[in-house]
Amino acid sequence: MKTIPVNIVTPDKTELSDQFEFVVLPGASGELGVYPGHAHCLASLKAGPVRLQKESGNQAFAIEPGYAIISPTAIKIVTSAAKSAA
């Protein structure tokens, strides 16, 4: 299955850098699901869970408000704080 690189970045460090098959983001207007090949998008994010899925196992991060830069080949999440919710 196709994957997309995901980076979760805070002012202090990169909290996550990995490949995933599907990502669910806490969009300001509701959840936003992203597969590889998604159209270009800049999304405002509210505080909440980022759910990341791949064949070898799922992950989750709790983030503060921020934004996501989505392209067909990458997702970059910029937030003031992120913590693994595993």
N, C-alpha and C. Protein backbone atom coordinates (compact mmCIF):
# COMPACT_ATOMS: atom_id res chain seq x y z
N MET A 1 0.84 -1.19 0.00
CA MET A 1 0.00 0.00 0.00
C MET A 1 0.89 1.25 0.00
N LYS A 2 0.43 2.30 -0.64
CA LYS A 2 1.17 3.55 -0.67
C LYS A 2 1.25 4.19 0.70
N THR A 3 2.35 4.93 0.92
CA THR A 3 2.51 5.67 2.16
C THR A 3 2.84 7.12 1.85
N ILE A 4 2.71 7.95 2.88
CA ILE A 4 3.01 9.37 2.77
C ILE A 4 3.87 9.76 3.98
N PRO A 5 4.94 10.52 3.78
CA PRO A 5 5.74 10.95 4.93
C PRO A 5 4.99 11.99 5.76
N VAL A 6 5.07 11.82 7.07
CA VAL A 6 4.42 12.74 8.02
C VAL A 6 5.46 13.26 8.99
N ASN A 7 5.49 14.57 9.15
CA ASN A 7 6.36 15.21 10.14
C ASN A 7 5.50 16.05 11.07
N ILE A 8 5.69 15.85 12.37
CA ILE A 8 5.05 16.71 13.38
C ILE A 8 6.16 17.53 13.99
N VAL A 9 6.07 18.86 13.82
CA VAL A 9 7.13 19.78 14.21
C VAL A 9 6.63 20.76 15.26
N THR A 10 7.42 20.92 16.34
CA THR A 10 7.16 21.92 17.37
C THR A 10 8.32 22.91 17.38
N PRO A 11 8.22 24.00 18.13
CA PRO A 11 9.35 24.93 18.18
C PRO A 11 10.64 24.29 18.70
N ASP A 12 10.53 23.24 19.50
CA ASP A 12 11.70 22.61 20.11
C ASP A 12 12.34 21.52 19.27
N LYS A 13 11.51 20.75 18.54
CA LYS A 13 12.07 19.61 17.81
C LYS A 13 11.03 19.00 16.87
N THR A 14 11.49 18.05 16.09
CA THR A 14 10.59 17.24 15.28
C THR A 14 10.14 16.06 16.15
N GLU A 15 8.85 16.03 16.46
CA GLU A 15 8.30 14.99 17.34
C GLU A 15 8.10 13.66 16.61
N LEU A 16 7.87 13.74 15.29
CA LEU A 16 7.62 12.52 14.52
C LEU A 16 8.07 12.74 13.09
N SER A 17 8.70 11.73 12.53
CA SER A 17 9.05 11.71 11.12
C SER A 17 8.99 10.26 10.67
N ASP A 18 7.91 9.90 9.95
CA ASP A 18 7.70 8.51 9.57
C ASP A 18 6.74 8.46 8.38
N GLN A 19 6.54 7.27 7.84
CA GLN A 19 5.65 7.03 6.70
C GLN A 19 4.37 6.37 7.19
N PHE A 20 3.22 6.82 6.67
CA PHE A 20 1.94 6.25 7.07
C PHE A 20 1.03 6.07 5.87
N GLU A 21 0.05 5.19 6.01
CA GLU A 21 -0.90 4.90 4.94
C GLU A 21 -2.12 5.81 5.00
N PHE A 22 -2.47 6.28 6.20
CA PHE A 22 -3.66 7.10 6.39
C PHE A 22 -3.47 7.93 7.65
N VAL A 23 -3.91 9.19 7.61
CA VAL A 23 -3.76 10.10 8.74
C VAL A 23 -5.09 10.82 8.97
N VAL A 24 -5.49 10.93 10.24
CA VAL A 24 -6.68 11.70 10.60
C VAL A 24 -6.23 12.87 11.46
N LEU A 25 -6.59 14.08 11.01
CA LEU A 25 -6.18 15.31 11.69
C LEU A 25 -7.38 15.98 12.35
N PRO A 26 -7.17 16.67 13.49
CA PRO A 26 -8.27 17.39 14.15
C PRO A 26 -8.46 18.78 13.53
N GLY A 27 -9.08 18.84 12.38
CA GLY A 27 -9.29 20.11 11.69
C GLY A 27 -10.18 21.05 12.48
N ALA A 28 -10.00 22.34 12.29
CA ALA A 28 -10.78 23.34 13.01
C ALA A 28 -12.28 23.20 12.73
N SER A 29 -12.63 22.67 11.55
CA SER A 29 -14.04 22.50 11.18
C SER A 29 -14.49 21.04 11.25
N GLY A 30 -13.65 20.16 11.79
CA GLY A 30 -13.98 18.74 11.88
C GLY A 30 -12.78 17.90 11.46
N GLU A 31 -12.90 16.60 11.62
CA GLU A 31 -11.79 15.71 11.28
C GLU A 31 -11.50 15.73 9.79
N LEU A 32 -10.21 15.59 9.48
CA LEU A 32 -9.74 15.59 8.10
C LEU A 32 -8.92 14.34 7.88
N GLY A 33 -9.37 13.47 6.98
CA GLY A 33 -8.64 12.25 6.65
C GLY A 33 -7.78 12.47 5.42
N VAL A 34 -6.53 11.97 5.48
CA VAL A 34 -5.58 12.19 4.38
C VAL A 34 -4.94 10.87 3.98
N TYR A 35 -5.06 10.55 2.69
CA TYR A 35 -4.37 9.43 2.08
C TYR A 35 -3.24 9.97 1.21
N PRO A 36 -2.25 9.15 0.87
CA PRO A 36 -1.24 9.57 -0.11
C PRO A 36 -1.94 10.04 -1.39
N GLY A 37 -1.42 11.12 -1.98
CA GLY A 37 -2.02 11.65 -3.20
C GLY A 37 -3.08 12.71 -2.96
N HIS A 38 -3.31 13.09 -1.70
CA HIS A 38 -4.31 14.11 -1.37
C HIS A 38 -3.96 15.42 -2.07
N ALA A 39 -4.96 16.19 -2.41
CA ALA A 39 -4.75 17.50 -3.04
C ALA A 39 -4.02 18.44 -2.09
N HIS A 40 -3.35 19.44 -2.65
CA HIS A 40 -2.67 20.45 -1.84
C HIS A 40 -3.69 21.13 -0.94
N CYS A 41 -3.30 21.37 0.31
CA CYS A 41 -4.23 21.95 1.27
C CYS A 41 -3.45 22.54 2.44
N LEU A 42 -3.92 23.66 2.96
CA LEU A 42 -3.40 24.22 4.20
C LEU A 42 -4.58 24.19 5.17
N ALA A 43 -4.45 23.42 6.26
CA ALA A 43 -5.57 23.22 7.18
C ALA A 43 -5.24 23.75 8.56
N SER A 44 -6.17 24.50 9.12
CA SER A 44 -6.07 24.95 10.50
C SER A 44 -6.47 23.79 11.41
N LEU A 45 -5.67 23.54 12.44
CA LEU A 45 -5.93 22.43 13.34
C LEU A 45 -6.28 22.92 14.74
N LYS A 46 -7.22 22.24 15.38
CA LYS A 46 -7.52 22.53 16.78
C LYS A 46 -6.77 21.52 17.64
N ALA A 47 -6.73 21.76 18.93
CA ALA A 47 -6.10 20.80 19.85
C ALA A 47 -6.88 19.48 19.78
N GLY A 48 -6.14 18.39 19.75
CA GLY A 48 -6.80 17.09 19.70
C GLY A 48 -5.87 16.01 19.21
N PRO A 49 -6.42 14.83 18.93
CA PRO A 49 -5.59 13.70 18.52
C PRO A 49 -5.29 13.69 17.02
N VAL A 50 -4.07 13.33 16.68
CA VAL A 50 -3.68 12.99 15.32
C VAL A 50 -3.55 11.48 15.31
N ARG A 51 -4.34 10.81 14.47
CA ARG A 51 -4.30 9.35 14.39
C ARG A 51 -3.58 8.95 13.11
N LEU A 52 -2.60 8.08 13.24
CA LEU A 52 -1.74 7.68 12.13
C LEU A 52 -1.80 6.17 11.97
N GLN A 53 -2.05 5.72 10.74
CA GLN A 53 -2.21 4.29 10.51
C GLN A 53 -1.20 3.78 9.49
N LYS A 54 -0.63 2.62 9.81
CA LYS A 54 0.20 1.89 8.85
C LYS A 54 0.12 0.41 9.17
N GLU A 55 0.57 -0.40 8.23
CA GLU A 55 0.42 -1.85 8.36
C GLU A 55 1.06 -2.40 9.62
N SER A 56 2.21 -1.85 10.01
CA SER A 56 2.93 -2.39 11.17
C SER A 56 2.37 -1.91 12.51
N GLY A 57 1.36 -1.02 12.49
CA GLY A 57 0.75 -0.58 13.73
C GLY A 57 0.34 0.89 13.67
N ASN A 58 -0.59 1.24 14.52
CA ASN A 58 -1.11 2.60 14.57
C ASN A 58 -0.40 3.41 15.64
N GLN A 59 -0.41 4.74 15.46
CA GLN A 59 0.15 5.66 16.44
C GLN A 59 -0.83 6.80 16.63
N ALA A 60 -0.68 7.52 17.73
CA ALA A 60 -1.50 8.70 17.97
C ALA A 60 -0.65 9.74 18.71
N PHE A 61 -0.91 10.99 18.40
CA PHE A 61 -0.27 12.12 19.07
C PHE A 61 -1.35 13.09 19.49
N ALA A 62 -1.21 13.67 20.66
CA ALA A 62 -2.07 14.76 21.10
C ALA A 62 -1.35 16.06 20.76
N ILE A 63 -2.02 16.94 20.02
CA ILE A 63 -1.38 18.19 19.61
C ILE A 63 -2.15 19.39 20.15
N GLU A 64 -1.45 20.50 20.23
CA GLU A 64 -2.07 21.80 20.51
C GLU A 64 -2.50 22.40 19.17
N PRO A 65 -3.26 23.51 19.18
CA PRO A 65 -3.65 24.11 17.90
C PRO A 65 -2.45 24.43 17.02
N GLY A 66 -2.66 24.37 15.73
CA GLY A 66 -1.60 24.65 14.78
C GLY A 66 -2.15 24.57 13.37
N TYR A 67 -1.33 24.09 12.45
CA TYR A 67 -1.80 23.94 11.07
C TYR A 67 -1.07 22.77 10.41
N ALA A 68 -1.64 22.31 9.31
CA ALA A 68 -1.04 21.22 8.54
C ALA A 68 -0.87 21.69 7.11
N ILE A 69 0.31 21.42 6.57
CA ILE A 69 0.60 21.66 5.16
C ILE A 69 0.53 20.29 4.49
N ILE A 70 -0.46 20.12 3.63
CA ILE A 70 -0.71 18.83 2.99
C ILE A 70 -0.43 18.96 1.50
N SER A 71 0.33 18.02 0.98
CA SER A 71 0.56 17.93 -0.46
C SER A 71 0.33 16.47 -0.86
N PRO A 72 0.31 16.17 -2.14
CA PRO A 72 0.13 14.77 -2.54
C PRO A 72 1.24 13.85 -2.05
N THR A 73 2.41 14.42 -1.68
CA THR A 73 3.55 13.59 -1.31
C THR A 73 4.06 13.78 0.11
N ALA A 74 3.40 14.62 0.93
CA ALA A 74 3.89 14.83 2.30
C ALA A 74 2.86 15.56 3.14
N ILE A 75 2.96 15.35 4.46
CA ILE A 75 2.15 16.09 5.43
C ILE A 75 3.10 16.66 6.47
N LYS A 76 3.02 17.96 6.71
CA LYS A 76 3.80 18.60 7.76
C LYS A 76 2.82 19.25 8.72
N ILE A 77 2.89 18.85 9.99
CA ILE A 77 2.03 19.39 11.03
C ILE A 77 2.89 20.30 11.90
N VAL A 78 2.48 21.55 12.02
CA VAL A 78 3.21 22.53 12.82
C VAL A 78 2.32 22.90 14.00
N THR A 79 2.85 22.71 15.22
CA THR A 79 2.08 22.94 16.43
C THR A 79 3.01 23.41 17.55
N SER A 80 2.44 24.04 18.57
CA SER A 80 3.28 24.50 19.68
C SER A 80 3.70 23.36 20.59
N ALA A 81 2.92 22.27 20.61
CA ALA A 81 3.28 21.12 21.46
C ALA A 81 2.61 19.85 20.91
N ALA A 82 3.30 18.74 21.05
CA ALA A 82 2.79 17.44 20.64
C ALA A 82 3.35 16.38 21.57
N LYS A 83 2.51 15.42 21.91
CA LYS A 83 2.91 14.35 22.82
C LYS A 83 2.35 13.03 22.31
N SER A 84 3.18 12.02 22.30
CA SER A 84 2.72 10.69 21.90
C SER A 84 1.60 10.25 22.82
N ALA A 85 0.52 9.74 22.24
CA ALA A 85 -0.62 9.29 23.03
C ALA A 85 -0.66 7.77 23.07
N ALA A 86 0.45 7.12 22.82
CA ALA A 86 0.51 5.66 22.79
C ALA A 86 0.54 5.13 24.15
